[in-house]
């Protein structure tokens, strides 16, 4: 089932997700719906907060993005990122390493808004799968950026918080407009979205 995506101004986007203690039918259904919603919106990541659930759950899929490559190790083994998607992370914890780099990011909760965001080049994530298994992920490239973006969401941090002050100031009027739309109760339905600029997380 395709879910509505909350947009900037909804207070749930600022809520820190609760740890998932039990993986039950609700979590399994939510995960499946989030993957379907992410794909319908042409996104590469979606956090539970973006669909109205304050939980430590995110889904990712960078397999369709060929011009921004990624590397991936699962439990210490090199794997092809394209064949390992979608990724689902429950209760993720991340460590950042390497140099930082600036890259363009969008967000499904901020339609048609992008920004240049500084992120670590390398990300290590420890999380659980839907089966309750523990996994360890080492990623670089776009996948590392997407994981950082989504884990920020799980902690109530938005990509505009990572922008420099000049960039955020330049977007001020558009952000205020989004907030007004949100207060009027408008939600984004993926099937109604216009094509978005850049990869949306």
N, C-alpha and C. Protein backbone atom coordinates (compact mmCIF):
# COMPACT_ATOMS: atom_id res chain seq x y z
N UNK A 1 0.84 -1.19 0.00
CA UNK A 1 0.00 0.00 0.00
C UNK A 1 0.88 1.25 0.00
N UNK A 2 0.56 2.18 -0.88
CA UNK A 2 1.32 3.42 -0.94
C UNK A 2 0.82 4.38 0.14
N UNK A 3 1.76 4.88 0.93
CA UNK A 3 1.43 5.75 2.06
C UNK A 3 1.64 7.21 1.68
N UNK A 4 0.96 8.10 2.40
CA UNK A 4 1.22 9.53 2.23
C UNK A 4 2.53 9.89 2.90
N UNK A 5 3.27 10.79 2.28
CA UNK A 5 4.56 11.22 2.82
C UNK A 5 4.39 12.59 3.47
N UNK A 6 4.76 12.68 4.73
CA UNK A 6 4.67 13.96 5.43
C UNK A 6 5.65 14.95 4.84
N UNK A 7 5.26 16.21 4.82
CA UNK A 7 6.19 17.22 4.33
C UNK A 7 6.60 18.16 5.44
N UNK A 8 7.62 18.92 5.12
CA UNK A 8 8.25 19.82 6.08
C UNK A 8 7.21 20.67 6.79
N UNK A 9 7.34 20.74 8.11
CA UNK A 9 6.39 21.48 8.93
C UNK A 9 5.57 20.56 9.81
N UNK A 10 5.49 19.28 9.44
CA UNK A 10 4.80 18.32 10.29
C UNK A 10 5.70 17.99 11.47
N UNK A 11 5.19 18.11 12.70
CA UNK A 11 6.04 17.90 13.87
C UNK A 11 6.60 16.49 13.99
N UNK A 12 5.97 15.51 13.36
CA UNK A 12 6.48 14.13 13.45
C UNK A 12 7.87 14.03 12.83
N UNK A 13 8.16 14.87 11.85
CA UNK A 13 9.49 14.83 11.21
C UNK A 13 10.60 15.24 12.18
N UNK A 14 10.24 15.91 13.26
CA UNK A 14 11.22 16.33 14.26
C UNK A 14 11.28 15.39 15.46
N UNK A 15 10.53 14.29 15.41
CA UNK A 15 10.48 13.37 16.53
C UNK A 15 11.55 12.29 16.40
N UNK A 16 12.21 11.99 17.49
CA UNK A 16 13.17 10.89 17.51
C UNK A 16 12.41 9.57 17.55
N UNK A 17 12.80 8.65 16.69
CA UNK A 17 12.11 7.38 16.62
C UNK A 17 12.37 6.49 17.82
N UNK A 18 11.36 5.74 18.22
CA UNK A 18 11.49 4.79 19.32
C UNK A 18 12.17 3.51 18.82
N UNK A 19 12.95 2.91 19.68
CA UNK A 19 13.54 1.61 19.37
C UNK A 19 12.43 0.59 19.16
N UNK A 20 12.62 -0.29 18.20
CA UNK A 20 11.66 -1.36 17.93
C UNK A 20 12.09 -2.57 18.75
N UNK A 21 11.28 -2.92 19.75
CA UNK A 21 11.62 -4.03 20.64
C UNK A 21 11.15 -5.36 20.08
N UNK A 22 10.04 -5.33 19.32
CA UNK A 22 9.47 -6.57 18.79
C UNK A 22 9.12 -6.37 17.32
N UNK A 23 9.59 -7.27 16.48
CA UNK A 23 9.27 -7.20 15.04
C UNK A 23 8.02 -8.04 14.81
N UNK A 24 6.89 -7.34 14.72
CA UNK A 24 5.60 -8.02 14.58
C UNK A 24 4.99 -7.74 13.21
N UNK A 25 3.73 -8.15 13.03
CA UNK A 25 3.08 -7.96 11.73
C UNK A 25 2.96 -6.49 11.35
N UNK A 26 2.75 -5.63 12.36
CA UNK A 26 2.67 -4.20 12.06
C UNK A 26 3.98 -3.69 11.46
N UNK A 27 5.10 -4.07 12.04
CA UNK A 27 6.41 -3.64 11.54
C UNK A 27 6.66 -4.21 10.14
N UNK A 28 6.32 -5.48 9.94
CA UNK A 28 6.52 -6.10 8.63
C UNK A 28 5.66 -5.43 7.55
N UNK A 29 4.40 -5.13 7.89
CA UNK A 29 3.52 -4.45 6.93
C UNK A 29 4.02 -3.03 6.66
N UNK A 30 4.43 -2.34 7.71
CA UNK A 30 4.94 -0.97 7.55
C UNK A 30 6.16 -0.97 6.64
N UNK A 31 7.08 -1.90 6.86
CA UNK A 31 8.29 -1.98 6.04
C UNK A 31 7.94 -2.20 4.57
N UNK A 32 7.04 -3.13 4.30
CA UNK A 32 6.64 -3.41 2.91
C UNK A 32 5.99 -2.18 2.28
N UNK A 33 5.14 -1.49 3.03
CA UNK A 33 4.48 -0.30 2.52
C UNK A 33 5.47 0.84 2.29
N UNK A 34 6.46 0.94 3.17
CA UNK A 34 7.48 1.99 2.99
C UNK A 34 8.30 1.74 1.73
N UNK A 35 8.65 0.50 1.47
CA UNK A 35 9.41 0.18 0.24
C UNK A 35 8.57 0.52 -0.99
N UNK A 36 7.30 0.14 -0.96
CA UNK A 36 6.42 0.44 -2.09
C UNK A 36 6.27 1.95 -2.28
N UNK A 37 6.13 2.67 -1.17
CA UNK A 37 5.98 4.13 -1.23
C UNK A 37 7.24 4.79 -1.76
N UNK A 38 8.41 4.35 -1.27
CA UNK A 38 9.69 4.90 -1.75
C UNK A 38 9.83 4.71 -3.25
N UNK A 39 9.54 3.50 -3.73
CA UNK A 39 9.66 3.24 -5.17
C UNK A 39 8.65 4.07 -5.98
N UNK A 40 7.43 4.20 -5.48
CA UNK A 40 6.41 4.98 -6.19
C UNK A 40 6.80 6.45 -6.31
N UNK A 41 7.55 6.94 -5.31
CA UNK A 41 7.97 8.35 -5.30
C UNK A 41 9.33 8.55 -5.96
N UNK A 42 9.90 7.47 -6.51
CA UNK A 42 11.24 7.54 -7.12
C UNK A 42 12.28 8.04 -6.13
N UNK A 43 12.14 7.62 -4.88
CA UNK A 43 13.11 7.98 -3.86
C UNK A 43 14.16 6.89 -3.70
N UNK A 44 15.23 7.22 -2.99
CA UNK A 44 16.26 6.22 -2.71
C UNK A 44 16.34 5.92 -1.21
N UNK A 45 15.47 6.54 -0.43
CA UNK A 45 15.42 6.28 0.99
C UNK A 45 14.14 6.83 1.59
N UNK A 46 13.68 6.19 2.65
CA UNK A 46 12.48 6.65 3.33
C UNK A 46 12.56 6.20 4.79
N UNK A 47 12.31 7.14 5.69
CA UNK A 47 12.33 6.85 7.12
C UNK A 47 10.91 6.78 7.65
N UNK A 48 10.73 6.04 8.74
CA UNK A 48 9.39 5.85 9.30
C UNK A 48 8.71 7.18 9.63
N UNK A 49 9.49 8.16 10.11
CA UNK A 49 8.89 9.46 10.44
C UNK A 49 8.21 10.09 9.24
N UNK A 50 8.76 9.83 8.04
CA UNK A 50 8.19 10.46 6.84
C UNK A 50 6.82 9.92 6.47
N UNK A 51 6.45 8.79 7.05
CA UNK A 51 5.10 8.25 6.83
C UNK A 51 4.29 8.23 8.13
N UNK A 52 4.74 9.02 9.10
CA UNK A 52 3.94 9.24 10.29
C UNK A 52 4.17 8.29 11.45
N UNK A 53 5.25 7.50 11.41
CA UNK A 53 5.55 6.55 12.48
C UNK A 53 6.86 6.94 13.16
N UNK A 54 6.83 7.13 14.47
CA UNK A 54 8.05 7.52 15.18
C UNK A 54 8.78 6.27 15.66
N UNK A 55 9.41 5.60 14.70
CA UNK A 55 10.11 4.34 14.96
C UNK A 55 11.49 4.36 14.32
N UNK A 56 12.39 3.53 14.83
CA UNK A 56 13.74 3.40 14.28
C UNK A 56 13.72 2.39 13.12
N UNK A 57 13.19 2.82 11.99
CA UNK A 57 13.05 1.97 10.81
C UNK A 57 13.23 2.81 9.56
N UNK A 58 14.10 2.35 8.67
CA UNK A 58 14.29 3.03 7.40
C UNK A 58 14.54 2.01 6.29
N UNK A 59 14.19 2.42 5.07
CA UNK A 59 14.43 1.59 3.89
C UNK A 59 15.23 2.40 2.88
N UNK A 60 16.05 1.70 2.09
CA UNK A 60 16.92 2.36 1.12
C UNK A 60 16.99 1.53 -0.16
N UNK A 61 17.16 2.22 -1.29
CA UNK A 61 17.37 1.52 -2.57
C UNK A 61 18.07 2.47 -3.54
N UNK A 62 19.37 2.23 -3.74
CA UNK A 62 20.15 3.07 -4.65
C UNK A 62 20.43 2.35 -5.98
N UNK A 63 19.72 1.25 -6.22
CA UNK A 63 20.06 0.38 -7.36
C UNK A 63 19.80 1.03 -8.72
N UNK A 64 18.93 2.05 -8.77
CA UNK A 64 18.61 2.67 -10.06
C UNK A 64 19.48 3.88 -10.39
N UNK A 65 20.39 4.24 -9.49
CA UNK A 65 21.22 5.43 -9.69
C UNK A 65 22.60 4.99 -10.18
N UNK A 66 22.84 5.16 -11.47
CA UNK A 66 24.08 4.67 -12.06
C UNK A 66 25.21 5.69 -12.07
N UNK A 67 24.85 6.99 -12.02
CA UNK A 67 25.89 8.01 -12.15
C UNK A 67 26.48 8.43 -10.80
N UNK A 68 25.99 7.84 -9.71
CA UNK A 68 26.56 8.10 -8.37
C UNK A 68 26.78 6.75 -7.69
N UNK A 69 27.90 6.09 -8.01
CA UNK A 69 28.09 4.70 -7.56
C UNK A 69 28.27 4.56 -6.06
N UNK A 70 28.06 3.35 -5.59
CA UNK A 70 28.19 3.01 -4.19
C UNK A 70 29.01 1.73 -4.05
N UNK A 71 29.61 1.54 -2.89
CA UNK A 71 30.18 0.24 -2.54
C UNK A 71 29.48 -0.24 -1.28
N UNK A 72 29.45 -1.57 -1.11
CA UNK A 72 28.74 -2.14 0.03
C UNK A 72 29.42 -3.41 0.51
N UNK A 73 29.64 -3.48 1.81
CA UNK A 73 30.04 -4.72 2.46
C UNK A 73 28.95 -5.10 3.44
N UNK A 74 28.50 -6.36 3.35
CA UNK A 74 27.52 -6.89 4.28
C UNK A 74 28.21 -7.92 5.15
N UNK A 75 28.24 -7.65 6.46
CA UNK A 75 28.91 -8.55 7.40
C UNK A 75 30.32 -8.89 6.93
N UNK A 76 31.04 -7.87 6.44
CA UNK A 76 32.43 -8.03 6.08
C UNK A 76 32.69 -8.53 4.66
N UNK A 77 31.64 -8.87 3.92
CA UNK A 77 31.82 -9.40 2.56
C UNK A 77 31.39 -8.38 1.52
N UNK A 78 32.24 -8.18 0.50
CA UNK A 78 31.89 -7.28 -0.60
C UNK A 78 30.70 -7.84 -1.36
N UNK A 79 29.69 -7.00 -1.57
CA UNK A 79 28.53 -7.40 -2.37
C UNK A 79 28.19 -6.29 -3.34
N UNK A 80 27.48 -6.64 -4.38
CA UNK A 80 27.05 -5.66 -5.38
C UNK A 80 25.85 -4.90 -4.80
N UNK A 81 25.98 -3.59 -4.62
CA UNK A 81 24.85 -2.84 -4.04
C UNK A 81 23.55 -3.03 -4.81
N UNK A 82 23.64 -3.10 -6.14
CA UNK A 82 22.43 -3.19 -6.96
C UNK A 82 21.63 -4.45 -6.68
N UNK A 83 22.32 -5.54 -6.34
CA UNK A 83 21.61 -6.80 -6.10
C UNK A 83 21.20 -6.98 -4.64
N UNK A 84 21.57 -6.02 -3.80
CA UNK A 84 21.27 -6.13 -2.37
C UNK A 84 20.16 -5.20 -1.93
N UNK A 85 19.53 -4.55 -2.89
CA UNK A 85 18.48 -3.59 -2.58
C UNK A 85 17.11 -4.24 -2.74
N UNK A 86 16.09 -3.75 -2.03
CA UNK A 86 16.18 -2.67 -1.05
C UNK A 86 16.79 -3.15 0.27
N UNK A 87 17.44 -2.22 0.95
CA UNK A 87 17.97 -2.46 2.29
C UNK A 87 16.95 -1.97 3.31
N UNK A 88 16.79 -2.74 4.37
CA UNK A 88 15.90 -2.34 5.45
C UNK A 88 16.69 -2.38 6.74
N UNK A 89 16.67 -1.28 7.48
CA UNK A 89 17.44 -1.18 8.71
C UNK A 89 16.52 -0.88 9.88
N UNK A 90 16.57 -1.74 10.89
CA UNK A 90 15.81 -1.56 12.12
C UNK A 90 16.79 -1.22 13.24
N UNK A 91 16.47 -0.18 14.00
CA UNK A 91 17.31 0.28 15.12
C UNK A 91 18.77 0.50 14.69
N UNK A 92 19.01 1.22 13.60
CA UNK A 92 20.39 1.37 13.13
C UNK A 92 21.23 2.29 14.02
N UNK A 93 22.50 1.94 14.13
CA UNK A 93 23.50 2.79 14.77
C UNK A 93 24.63 2.94 13.78
N UNK A 94 25.13 4.16 13.59
CA UNK A 94 26.15 4.36 12.57
C UNK A 94 27.42 4.97 13.14
N UNK A 95 28.52 4.67 12.45
CA UNK A 95 29.81 5.29 12.71
C UNK A 95 30.29 5.87 11.39
N UNK A 96 30.86 7.07 11.46
CA UNK A 96 31.32 7.76 10.26
C UNK A 96 32.84 7.80 10.24
N UNK A 97 33.43 7.67 9.04
CA UNK A 97 34.88 7.73 8.94
C UNK A 97 35.27 8.27 7.57
N UNK A 98 36.58 8.43 7.39
CA UNK A 98 37.08 8.96 6.13
C UNK A 98 36.94 10.47 6.05
N UNK A 99 37.26 10.99 4.89
CA UNK A 99 37.11 12.42 4.64
C UNK A 99 35.62 12.76 4.52
N UNK A 100 35.33 14.04 4.48
CA UNK A 100 33.97 14.46 4.18
C UNK A 100 33.92 14.96 2.74
N UNK A 101 32.74 14.91 2.16
CA UNK A 101 32.55 15.41 0.80
C UNK A 101 31.19 16.08 0.71
N UNK A 102 31.11 17.01 -0.23
CA UNK A 102 29.85 17.73 -0.42
C UNK A 102 29.13 17.12 -1.62
N UNK A 103 27.84 16.88 -1.46
CA UNK A 103 27.05 16.31 -2.54
C UNK A 103 25.63 16.85 -2.51
N UNK A 104 24.96 16.74 -3.64
CA UNK A 104 23.58 17.21 -3.75
C UNK A 104 22.62 16.21 -3.14
N UNK A 105 21.72 16.72 -2.32
CA UNK A 105 20.68 15.88 -1.73
C UNK A 105 19.32 16.52 -1.92
N UNK A 106 18.33 15.67 -2.07
CA UNK A 106 16.94 16.08 -2.01
C UNK A 106 16.28 15.26 -0.92
N UNK A 107 14.98 15.46 -0.73
CA UNK A 107 14.26 14.73 0.30
C UNK A 107 12.80 14.66 -0.10
N UNK A 108 12.20 13.48 0.05
CA UNK A 108 10.80 13.32 -0.33
C UNK A 108 9.87 14.19 0.51
N UNK A 109 10.31 14.65 1.65
CA UNK A 109 9.50 15.54 2.48
C UNK A 109 9.68 17.01 2.10
N UNK A 110 10.56 17.26 1.13
CA UNK A 110 10.85 18.63 0.66
C UNK A 110 10.78 18.63 -0.87
N UNK A 111 9.59 18.50 -1.46
CA UNK A 111 9.51 18.38 -2.92
C UNK A 111 10.16 19.55 -3.65
N UNK A 112 10.97 19.19 -4.64
CA UNK A 112 11.62 20.14 -5.55
C UNK A 112 12.64 21.04 -4.85
N UNK A 113 13.11 20.64 -3.66
CA UNK A 113 14.15 21.39 -2.96
C UNK A 113 15.37 20.49 -2.82
N UNK A 114 16.52 21.01 -3.21
CA UNK A 114 17.77 20.28 -3.04
C UNK A 114 18.79 21.20 -2.38
N UNK A 115 19.85 20.58 -1.88
CA UNK A 115 20.91 21.36 -1.26
C UNK A 115 22.22 20.62 -1.30
N UNK A 116 23.31 21.36 -1.17
CA UNK A 116 24.65 20.77 -1.11
C UNK A 116 24.96 20.49 0.36
N UNK A 117 25.14 19.21 0.67
CA UNK A 117 25.29 18.78 2.06
C UNK A 117 26.63 18.08 2.24
N UNK A 118 27.34 18.42 3.31
CA UNK A 118 28.60 17.78 3.63
C UNK A 118 28.35 16.52 4.47
N UNK A 119 28.88 15.40 4.01
CA UNK A 119 28.72 14.13 4.71
C UNK A 119 30.05 13.38 4.72
N UNK A 120 30.16 12.43 5.63
CA UNK A 120 31.33 11.55 5.65
C UNK A 120 31.29 10.62 4.44
N UNK A 121 32.49 10.30 3.90
CA UNK A 121 32.56 9.43 2.72
C UNK A 121 32.21 7.99 3.05
N UNK A 122 32.51 7.56 4.28
CA UNK A 122 32.33 6.16 4.66
C UNK A 122 31.37 6.06 5.84
N UNK A 123 30.50 5.06 5.78
CA UNK A 123 29.53 4.83 6.85
C UNK A 123 29.54 3.37 7.24
N UNK A 124 29.59 3.11 8.53
CA UNK A 124 29.38 1.75 9.03
C UNK A 124 28.08 1.77 9.83
N UNK A 125 27.20 0.84 9.53
CA UNK A 125 25.92 0.77 10.23
C UNK A 125 25.72 -0.63 10.81
N UNK A 126 25.24 -0.66 12.04
CA UNK A 126 24.81 -1.92 12.64
C UNK A 126 23.31 -1.82 12.87
N UNK A 127 22.59 -2.85 12.47
CA UNK A 127 21.14 -2.81 12.54
C UNK A 127 20.58 -4.22 12.61
N UNK A 128 19.25 -4.29 12.65
CA UNK A 128 18.57 -5.57 12.58
C UNK A 128 17.79 -5.67 11.28
N UNK A 129 17.56 -6.90 10.85
CA UNK A 129 16.71 -7.16 9.68
C UNK A 129 15.29 -7.46 10.16
N UNK A 130 14.38 -7.64 9.21
CA UNK A 130 13.00 -8.00 9.56
C UNK A 130 12.93 -9.35 10.26
N UNK A 131 13.94 -10.19 10.01
CA UNK A 131 13.98 -11.51 10.66
C UNK A 131 14.59 -11.42 12.06
N UNK A 132 15.04 -10.22 12.45
CA UNK A 132 15.64 -10.06 13.77
C UNK A 132 17.14 -10.31 13.80
N UNK A 133 17.71 -10.64 12.63
CA UNK A 133 19.15 -10.89 12.56
C UNK A 133 19.92 -9.57 12.65
N UNK A 134 21.11 -9.63 13.24
CA UNK A 134 21.97 -8.45 13.29
C UNK A 134 22.84 -8.41 12.04
N UNK A 135 22.93 -7.23 11.44
CA UNK A 135 23.78 -7.06 10.26
C UNK A 135 24.71 -5.88 10.46
N UNK A 136 25.83 -5.95 9.75
CA UNK A 136 26.79 -4.85 9.75
C UNK A 136 27.03 -4.45 8.30
N UNK A 137 26.90 -3.17 8.05
CA UNK A 137 27.01 -2.64 6.69
C UNK A 137 28.14 -1.62 6.66
N UNK A 138 29.01 -1.74 5.66
CA UNK A 138 30.01 -0.71 5.38
C UNK A 138 29.69 -0.18 3.99
N UNK A 139 29.53 1.12 3.88
CA UNK A 139 29.11 1.71 2.60
C UNK A 139 29.93 2.95 2.29
N UNK A 140 30.07 3.19 0.99
CA UNK A 140 30.65 4.45 0.51
C UNK A 140 29.79 4.95 -0.64
N UNK A 141 30.11 6.13 -1.12
CA UNK A 141 29.37 6.69 -2.24
C UNK A 141 27.97 7.11 -1.85
N UNK A 142 27.05 6.99 -2.82
CA UNK A 142 25.69 7.46 -2.59
C UNK A 142 25.00 6.70 -1.46
N UNK A 143 25.27 5.42 -1.33
CA UNK A 143 24.64 4.65 -0.26
C UNK A 143 25.05 5.15 1.11
N UNK A 144 26.33 5.49 1.28
CA UNK A 144 26.78 6.05 2.56
C UNK A 144 26.05 7.34 2.87
N UNK A 145 25.89 8.18 1.86
CA UNK A 145 25.17 9.45 2.03
C UNK A 145 23.71 9.19 2.39
N UNK A 146 23.09 8.24 1.69
CA UNK A 146 21.68 7.94 1.94
C UNK A 146 21.47 7.40 3.35
N UNK A 147 22.36 6.53 3.80
CA UNK A 147 22.23 5.99 5.17
C UNK A 147 22.32 7.13 6.19
N UNK A 148 23.27 8.04 6.00
CA UNK A 148 23.41 9.17 6.94
C UNK A 148 22.16 10.04 6.94
N UNK A 149 21.62 10.29 5.75
CA UNK A 149 20.41 11.11 5.61
C UNK A 149 19.24 10.45 6.35
N UNK A 150 19.07 9.15 6.15
CA UNK A 150 17.93 8.45 6.75
C UNK A 150 18.09 8.31 8.26
N UNK A 151 19.28 8.03 8.74
CA UNK A 151 19.48 7.93 10.19
C UNK A 151 19.26 9.30 10.84
N UNK A 152 19.63 10.37 10.15
CA UNK A 152 19.27 11.70 10.65
C UNK A 152 17.76 11.80 10.84
N UNK A 153 16.98 11.38 9.83
CA UNK A 153 15.52 11.40 9.95
C UNK A 153 15.05 10.67 11.21
N UNK A 154 15.65 9.52 11.47
CA UNK A 154 15.23 8.71 12.62
C UNK A 154 15.50 9.43 13.94
N UNK A 155 16.35 10.43 13.90
CA UNK A 155 16.68 11.21 15.09
C UNK A 155 16.10 12.62 15.05
N UNK A 156 15.17 12.85 14.12
CA UNK A 156 14.50 14.15 14.04
C UNK A 156 15.32 15.25 13.40
N UNK A 157 16.39 14.86 12.69
CA UNK A 157 17.27 15.83 12.02
C UNK A 157 16.94 15.83 10.53
N UNK A 158 16.78 17.01 9.96
CA UNK A 158 16.43 17.14 8.54
C UNK A 158 17.62 17.67 7.75
N UNK A 159 17.63 17.38 6.45
CA UNK A 159 18.81 17.75 5.67
C UNK A 159 19.04 19.25 5.61
N UNK A 160 17.99 20.04 5.81
CA UNK A 160 18.19 21.50 5.84
C UNK A 160 19.00 21.91 7.06
N UNK A 161 18.98 21.08 8.10
CA UNK A 161 19.79 21.37 9.30
C UNK A 161 21.28 21.25 9.01
N UNK A 162 21.62 20.53 7.95
CA UNK A 162 23.02 20.32 7.56
C UNK A 162 23.50 21.34 6.54
N UNK A 163 22.59 22.19 6.06
CA UNK A 163 22.97 23.21 5.08
C UNK A 163 23.72 24.35 5.76
N UNK A 164 24.56 25.04 4.98
CA UNK A 164 25.17 26.24 5.55
C UNK A 164 24.12 27.34 5.62
N UNK A 165 24.38 28.34 6.42
CA UNK A 165 23.37 29.37 6.69
C UNK A 165 22.95 30.13 5.44
N UNK A 166 23.88 30.35 4.51
CA UNK A 166 23.54 31.08 3.29
C UNK A 166 22.57 30.27 2.43
N UNK A 167 22.82 28.97 2.31
CA UNK A 167 21.95 28.12 1.51
C UNK A 167 20.55 28.04 2.12
N UNK A 168 20.52 27.91 3.43
CA UNK A 168 19.22 27.83 4.10
C UNK A 168 18.46 29.15 3.97
N UNK A 169 19.17 30.26 4.07
CA UNK A 169 18.53 31.57 3.92
C UNK A 169 17.94 31.74 2.53
N UNK A 170 18.65 31.22 1.52
CA UNK A 170 18.18 31.33 0.14
C UNK A 170 16.89 30.54 -0.08
N UNK A 171 16.68 29.50 0.74
CA UNK A 171 15.49 28.67 0.61
C UNK A 171 14.36 29.10 1.55
N UNK A 172 14.59 30.15 2.29
CA UNK A 172 13.67 30.54 3.36
C UNK A 172 12.22 30.67 2.90
N UNK A 173 11.97 31.36 1.80
CA UNK A 173 10.59 31.59 1.36
C UNK A 173 9.93 30.28 0.93
N UNK A 174 10.69 29.41 0.27
CA UNK A 174 10.13 28.12 -0.16
C UNK A 174 9.82 27.24 1.04
N UNK A 175 10.68 27.28 2.06
CA UNK A 175 10.44 26.49 3.26
C UNK A 175 9.21 26.99 4.01
N UNK A 176 9.04 28.30 4.06
CA UNK A 176 7.86 28.85 4.72
C UNK A 176 6.58 28.46 3.98
N UNK A 177 6.67 28.43 2.65
CA UNK A 177 5.52 28.04 1.85
C UNK A 177 5.14 26.58 2.12
N UNK A 178 6.16 25.73 2.21
CA UNK A 178 5.92 24.32 2.53
C UNK A 178 5.25 24.17 3.90
N UNK A 179 5.74 24.92 4.86
CA UNK A 179 5.16 24.84 6.20
C UNK A 179 3.69 25.25 6.18
N UNK A 180 3.36 26.28 5.41
CA UNK A 180 1.96 26.72 5.32
C UNK A 180 1.09 25.65 4.69
N UNK A 181 1.60 25.00 3.65
CA UNK A 181 0.85 23.91 3.02
C UNK A 181 0.60 22.79 4.02
N UNK A 182 1.61 22.50 4.82
CA UNK A 182 1.50 21.43 5.81
C UNK A 182 0.44 21.78 6.86
N UNK A 183 0.42 23.02 7.29
CA UNK A 183 -0.57 23.45 8.29
C UNK A 183 -1.98 23.36 7.74
N UNK A 184 -2.11 23.50 6.42
CA UNK A 184 -3.43 23.37 5.79
C UNK A 184 -3.82 21.91 5.58
N UNK A 185 -2.93 21.01 6.00
CA UNK A 185 -3.26 19.59 5.92
C UNK A 185 -2.93 18.92 4.61
N UNK A 186 -2.12 19.56 3.78
CA UNK A 186 -1.76 18.95 2.51
C UNK A 186 -0.64 17.95 2.71
N UNK A 187 -0.83 16.73 2.20
CA UNK A 187 0.21 15.71 2.24
C UNK A 187 0.60 15.34 0.82
N UNK A 188 1.81 14.82 0.69
CA UNK A 188 2.32 14.43 -0.62
C UNK A 188 1.91 13.00 -0.90
N UNK A 189 1.28 12.78 -2.04
CA UNK A 189 1.02 11.41 -2.48
C UNK A 189 1.98 11.11 -3.61
N UNK A 190 2.80 10.08 -3.50
CA UNK A 190 3.82 9.82 -4.50
C UNK A 190 3.31 9.79 -5.92
N UNK A 191 2.11 9.23 -6.12
CA UNK A 191 1.62 9.12 -7.49
C UNK A 191 1.25 10.48 -8.10
N UNK A 192 1.14 11.52 -7.24
CA UNK A 192 0.80 12.85 -7.73
C UNK A 192 2.02 13.76 -7.88
N UNK A 193 3.19 13.28 -7.47
CA UNK A 193 4.37 14.14 -7.46
C UNK A 193 4.84 14.49 -8.87
N UNK A 194 5.36 15.68 -8.97
CA UNK A 194 6.10 16.06 -10.18
C UNK A 194 7.47 15.41 -10.12
N UNK A 195 8.16 15.34 -11.24
CA UNK A 195 9.53 14.82 -11.22
C UNK A 195 10.37 15.71 -10.32
N UNK A 196 11.16 15.09 -9.45
CA UNK A 196 11.98 15.85 -8.52
C UNK A 196 13.40 15.96 -9.04
N UNK A 197 14.07 17.01 -8.65
CA UNK A 197 15.42 17.25 -9.10
C UNK A 197 16.38 16.49 -8.19
N UNK A 198 17.27 15.70 -8.76
CA UNK A 198 18.27 14.98 -7.97
C UNK A 198 17.67 13.76 -7.28
N UNK A 199 18.50 13.06 -6.56
CA UNK A 199 18.04 11.89 -5.85
C UNK A 199 17.32 12.34 -4.58
N UNK A 200 16.20 11.72 -4.29
CA UNK A 200 15.43 12.12 -3.13
C UNK A 200 15.45 11.01 -2.10
N UNK A 201 15.74 11.42 -0.87
CA UNK A 201 15.98 10.46 0.20
C UNK A 201 14.86 10.46 1.21
